[in-house]
Amino acid sequence: MSLYLKLVGGSLGLSLALAYLFTPWAGALALRYGAAHAPRARDVHTKPVPRWGGIAIFLAFALTLLAVAAFVQFYLRRPLRPATLRAGGGLLAAGVLLTVIGAVDDRWEISAGKQLLAQLLAAAIVIPLGVKINFLTNPLQPGGLTYVGWLSVPLTVIWLIGVTNAMNWIDGIDGLAAGVGAIGSGTMALMAAQRGQPAVALLAAAGEAGVTAAGAVAGSEDAST
């Protein structure tokens, strides 16, 4: 097995383990501070359902990326490219911002306008650090790519805000957002592995494992109640 595949497998395992450990803690924290969905007459659950599962997922994701980067940089003595470090740092910074905003919204409900401003700020963080959509696939030319030029920035902003809100809007059924996230991340990891993009594959693998473990733990807890 190549080193590349071992790293992907290691990131999967570490992210799974961390999310499995962090999810009960995040749930207990949410119940303690009132960030829970109280049962209604039409709900199946009879006890409050904690809402801070995203904290566990992001912590597992971020710590896995940092651990893998440190392993490659210092143990394997393979320096990471500056562009990769900048993009990774931007993603983590934007992730911290959105995770904090999401946690606050779960507890006190932030207006849609303020949430949109936070999402725009997250996009403003990652774009200068190299996270941009520079090419689009051409459906009329299999395998062909179209350079988008100056449209790169607005397309990236629309994509980031669109995906963020799409995940937020489907988060109404236990496990639905986690399931969709796991499928999407897993598919991206496989596609990146096929195209020889190790950094993207590691990012997606860490995210896929995190949402899978968090969703499994949350689902088992719901079943037990």
Foldseek 3Di string as FASTA:
>chain_A
DDPLVVLLVVLLVQLLVQLLVCLVVQFVVQVVQVLWQADDPPDPFHGTGHDLSLVSLLVSLLVSVVVSQCCVVPVVVNHDDQLLVLLSVLLNVLSVLLSVVVSVCSHPNDDPVVNLVSLLVSLVSNVVSPPWDQWDDDPVDVPDIDGPPPCTSVVSSCVSVVVVVVLVVVPPDQLPSLVVLLVVLVVQLVVCVVVVNSSSNSSSSSSNSNSVSSSVSSVVVRVVD
